[in-house]
Amino acid sequence: MFTVNVRDHMMIAHSLRGEVFGPAQRLHGATYVVDAAFSGPELGPDGILVDIGRATQVLHEALGALTYRNLDDEPDLAGANTSTEVLARVVADRLAARVAELGDGVRRIVVTLHESHVAWAAYERLL
């Protein structure tokens, strides 16, 4: 499998439900460094899996719908406990919806949200 990874970031506000989250139950901000890895078994005729510039743009646009927002107020996320894991899935699903823009060779997307230099969560989606 070939893999192309692009990176961006997003800044969000949210609160989390459940005693396990302690003080994060209150409204707070988070900044995530976001990696999106696109994988596939074959390269296209240009010798690439995806155009890195286009993949970067698609990731940026997917994150733009979330960044600088209070996720507690977002209709698309109503009822969701927007943990790092859930947000990784949301971003992966949004990228999967646009994967045709990147070519037809992508078979897997992995989105990793880095909360800090020592903690992150990821979601892998097969296409």
C-alpha atoms as a PDB file:
ATOM      1  CA  MET A   1       0.000   0.000   0.000  1.00  0.00           C
ATOM      2  CA  PHE A   2       1.107   3.525  -0.757  1.00  0.00           C
ATOM      3  CA  THR A   3       0.252   6.226   1.775  1.00  0.00           C
ATOM      4  CA  VAL A   4       0.199   9.990   1.414  1.00  0.00           C
ATOM      5  CA  ASN A   5      -0.198  12.000   4.615  1.00  0.00           C
ATOM      6  CA  VAL A   6      -1.194  15.664   4.846  1.00  0.00           C
ATOM      7  CA  ARG A   7      -1.487  17.803   7.971  1.00  0.00           C
ATOM      8  CA  ASP A   8      -3.493  20.797   9.150  1.00  0.00           C
ATOM      9  CA  HIS A   9      -4.985  21.939  12.439  1.00  0.00           C
ATOM     10  CA  MET A  10      -8.283  23.031  13.924  1.00  0.00           C
ATOM     11  CA  MET A  11      -9.313  24.993  16.988  1.00  0.00           C
ATOM     12  CA  ILE A  12     -12.664  24.162  18.519  1.00  0.00           C
ATOM     13  CA  ALA A  13     -14.720  24.721  21.656  1.00  0.00           C
ATOM     14  CA  HIS A  14     -16.884  22.008  23.188  1.00  0.00           C
ATOM     15  CA  SER A  15     -17.963  20.340  26.392  1.00  0.00           C
ATOM     16  CA  LEU A  16     -18.057  16.632  27.069  1.00  0.00           C
ATOM     17  CA  ARG A  17     -20.736  14.644  28.875  1.00  0.00           C
ATOM     18  CA  GLY A  18     -19.841  12.074  31.503  1.00  0.00           C
ATOM     19  CA  GLU A  19     -18.050  11.993  34.837  1.00  0.00           C
ATOM     20  CA  VAL A  20     -15.027  10.388  33.176  1.00  0.00           C
ATOM     21  CA  PHE A  21     -14.254  13.769  31.574  1.00  0.00           C
ATOM     22  CA  GLY A  22     -13.909  15.652  34.878  1.00  0.00           C
ATOM     23  CA  PRO A  23     -13.362  19.375  34.269  1.00  0.00           C
ATOM     24  CA  ALA A  24     -13.723  18.885  30.488  1.00  0.00           C
ATOM     25  CA  GLN A  25     -17.465  18.621  31.117  1.00  0.00           C
ATOM     26  CA  ARG A  26     -17.401  22.407  31.153  1.00  0.00           C
ATOM     27  CA  LEU A  27     -16.993  24.380  27.947  1.00  0.00           C
ATOM     28  CA  HIS A  28     -13.330  24.483  26.966  1.00  0.00           C
ATOM     29  CA  GLY A  29     -11.172  24.956  23.901  1.00  0.00           C
ATOM     30  CA  ALA A  30      -8.968  22.463  22.126  1.00  0.00           C
ATOM     31  CA  THR A  31      -6.450  22.736  19.327  1.00  0.00           C
ATOM     32  CA  TYR A  32      -5.808  19.590  17.317  1.00  0.00           C
ATOM     33  CA  VAL A  33      -3.051  18.890  14.847  1.00  0.00           C
ATOM     34  CA  VAL A  34      -4.809  16.736  12.256  1.00  0.00           C
ATOM     35  CA  ASP A  35      -3.138  14.162  10.033  1.00  0.00           C
ATOM     36  CA  ALA A  36      -5.028  12.607   7.139  1.00  0.00           C
ATOM     37  CA  ALA A  37      -3.439   9.537   5.576  1.00  0.00           C
ATOM     38  CA  PHE A  38      -4.741   8.317   2.217  1.00  0.00           C
ATOM     39  CA  SER A  39      -3.714   4.778   1.233  1.00  0.00           C
ATOM     40  CA  GLY A  40      -4.130   2.633  -1.844  1.00  0.00           C
ATOM     41  CA  PRO A  41      -2.431  -0.294  -3.575  1.00  0.00           C
ATOM     42  CA  GLU A  42      -1.706   1.340  -6.934  1.00  0.00           C
ATOM     43  CA  LEU A  43      -0.376   4.627  -8.231  1.00  0.00           C
ATOM     44  CA  GLY A  44      -2.119   6.563 -10.970  1.00  0.00           C
ATOM     45  CA  PRO A  45      -0.647   7.233 -14.417  1.00  0.00           C
ATOM     46  CA  ASP A  46       1.276  10.245 -13.049  1.00  0.00           C
ATOM     47  CA  GLY A  47       3.064   8.050 -10.508  1.00  0.00           C
ATOM     48  CA  ILE A  48       1.131   9.400  -7.512  1.00  0.00           C
ATOM     49  CA  LEU A  49      -1.672   8.130  -5.298  1.00  0.00           C
ATOM     50  CA  VAL A  50      -3.158  11.598  -4.711  1.00  0.00           C
ATOM     51  CA  ASP A  51      -2.070  15.137  -5.423  1.00  0.00           C
ATOM     52  CA  ILE A  52      -0.648  16.376  -2.118  1.00  0.00           C
ATOM     53  CA  GLY A  53      -1.778  19.944  -2.788  1.00  0.00           C
ATOM     54  CA  ARG A  54      -5.344  18.884  -3.510  1.00  0.00           C
ATOM     55  CA  ALA A  55      -5.424  16.526  -0.505  1.00  0.00           C
ATOM     56  CA  THR A  56      -4.220  19.396   1.690  1.00  0.00           C
ATOM     57  CA  GLN A  57      -6.974  21.646   0.327  1.00  0.00           C
ATOM     58  CA  VAL A  58      -9.705  19.034   0.891  1.00  0.00           C
ATOM     59  CA  LEU A  59      -8.523  18.460   4.470  1.00  0.00           C
ATOM     60  CA  HIS A  60      -8.421  22.202   5.122  1.00  0.00           C
ATOM     61  CA  GLU A  61     -11.962  22.616   3.820  1.00  0.00           C
ATOM     62  CA  ALA A  62     -13.245  19.687   5.907  1.00  0.00           C
ATOM     63  CA  LEU A  63     -11.672  21.185   9.033  1.00  0.00           C
ATOM     64  CA  GLY A  64     -12.919  24.665   8.133  1.00  0.00           C
ATOM     65  CA  ALA A  65     -16.458  23.514   8.818  1.00  0.00           C
ATOM     66  CA  LEU A  66     -15.431  22.710  12.407  1.00  0.00           C
ATOM     67  CA  THR A  67     -12.721  25.156  13.375  1.00  0.00           C
ATOM     68  CA  TYR A  68     -13.439  28.303  15.408  1.00  0.00           C
ATOM     69  CA  ARG A  69     -16.809  26.850  16.338  1.00  0.00           C
ATOM     70  CA  ASN A  70     -18.497  25.726  19.521  1.00  0.00           C
ATOM     71  CA  LEU A  71     -19.270  22.145  18.545  1.00  0.00           C
ATOM     72  CA  ASP A  72     -22.015  22.026  21.182  1.00  0.00           C
ATOM     73  CA  ASP A  73     -23.986  24.365  18.893  1.00  0.00           C
ATOM     74  CA  GLU A  74     -23.381  22.529  15.597  1.00  0.00           C
ATOM     75  CA  PRO A  75     -26.541  20.862  14.244  1.00  0.00           C
ATOM     76  CA  ASP A  76     -24.520  18.126  12.493  1.00  0.00           C
ATOM     77  CA  LEU A  77     -23.081  17.081  15.854  1.00  0.00           C
ATOM     78  CA  ALA A  78     -26.266  17.360  17.935  1.00  0.00           C
ATOM     79  CA  GLY A  79     -26.319  14.661  20.575  1.00  0.00           C
ATOM     80  CA  ALA A  80     -22.720  13.590  19.921  1.00  0.00           C
ATOM     81  CA  ASN A  81     -20.156  13.561  22.689  1.00  0.00           C
ATOM     82  CA  THR A  82     -17.402  15.184  20.630  1.00  0.00           C
ATOM     83  CA  SER A  83     -14.464  13.253  22.064  1.00  0.00           C
ATOM     84  CA  THR A  84     -11.233  13.171  20.109  1.00  0.00           C
ATOM     85  CA  GLU A  85     -12.183   9.735  18.795  1.00  0.00           C
ATOM     86  CA  VAL A  86     -15.598  10.933  17.590  1.00  0.00           C
ATOM     87  CA  LEU A  87     -14.063  13.981  15.903  1.00  0.00           C
ATOM     88  CA  ALA A  88     -11.513  11.760  14.126  1.00  0.00           C
ATOM     89  CA  ARG A  89     -14.432   9.761  12.692  1.00  0.00           C
ATOM     90  CA  VAL A  90     -16.316  12.926  11.692  1.00  0.00           C
ATOM     91  CA  VAL A  91     -13.305  14.233   9.776  1.00  0.00           C
ATOM     92  CA  ALA A  92     -12.662  10.832   8.151  1.00  0.00           C
ATOM     93  CA  ASP A  93     -16.291  10.624   7.026  1.00  0.00           C
ATOM     94  CA  ARG A  94     -16.143  14.125   5.557  1.00  0.00           C
ATOM     95  CA  LEU A  95     -12.950  13.271   3.678  1.00  0.00           C
ATOM     96  CA  ALA A  96     -14.450  10.001   2.433  1.00  0.00           C
ATOM     97  CA  ALA A  97     -17.399  11.942   1.024  1.00  0.00           C
ATOM     98  CA  ARG A  98     -14.929  13.906  -1.116  1.00  0.00           C
ATOM     99  CA  VAL A  99     -12.380  11.211  -1.928  1.00  0.00           C
ATOM    100  CA  ALA A 100     -13.481  11.075  -5.581  1.00  0.00           C
ATOM    101  CA  GLU A 101     -11.931  14.545  -5.957  1.00  0.00           C
ATOM    102  CA  LEU A 102      -8.552  12.982  -5.163  1.00  0.00           C
ATOM    103  CA  GLY A 103      -8.647  10.187  -7.724  1.00  0.00           C
ATOM    104  CA  ASP A 104      -9.801   6.614  -7.724  1.00  0.00           C
ATOM    105  CA  GLY A 105      -6.869   4.885  -6.050  1.00  0.00           C
ATOM    106  CA  VAL A 106      -7.607   5.604  -2.376  1.00  0.00           C
ATOM    107  CA  ARG A 107      -8.864   2.548  -0.470  1.00  0.00           C
ATOM    108  CA  ARG A 108      -8.299   3.666   3.112  1.00  0.00           C
ATOM    109  CA  ILE A 109      -8.299   6.905   5.087  1.00  0.00           C
ATOM    110  CA  VAL A 110      -6.821   7.267   8.552  1.00  0.00           C
ATOM    111  CA  VAL A 111      -7.423  10.513  10.417  1.00  0.00           C
ATOM    112  CA  THR A 112      -5.358  11.210  13.517  1.00  0.00           C
ATOM    113  CA  LEU A 113      -6.148  14.070  15.896  1.00  0.00           C
ATOM    114  CA  HIS A 114      -3.181  15.008  18.060  1.00  0.00           C
ATOM    115  CA  GLU A 115      -4.305  16.589  21.340  1.00  0.00           C
ATOM    116  CA  SER A 116      -0.728  17.105  22.449  1.00  0.00           C
ATOM    117  CA  HIS A 117       2.751  15.750  21.816  1.00  0.00           C
ATOM    118  CA  VAL A 118       1.934  12.727  24.001  1.00  0.00           C
ATOM    119  CA  ALA A 119      -1.756  11.951  23.278  1.00  0.00           C
ATOM    120  CA  TRP A 120      -3.765  11.363  20.114  1.00  0.00           C
ATOM    121  CA  ALA A 121      -6.632   9.333  18.712  1.00  0.00           C
ATOM    122  CA  ALA A 122      -7.307   8.046  15.230  1.00  0.00           C
ATOM    123  CA  TYR A 123     -10.094   6.635  13.093  1.00  0.00           C
ATOM    124  CA  GLU A 124      -9.501   4.357  10.124  1.00  0.00           C
ATOM    125  CA  ARG A 125     -12.072   4.065   7.374  1.00  0.00           C
ATOM    126  CA  LEU A 126     -11.974   1.589   4.509  1.00  0.00           C
ATOM    127  CA  LEU A 127     -13.471   2.730   1.208  1.00  0.00           C
END
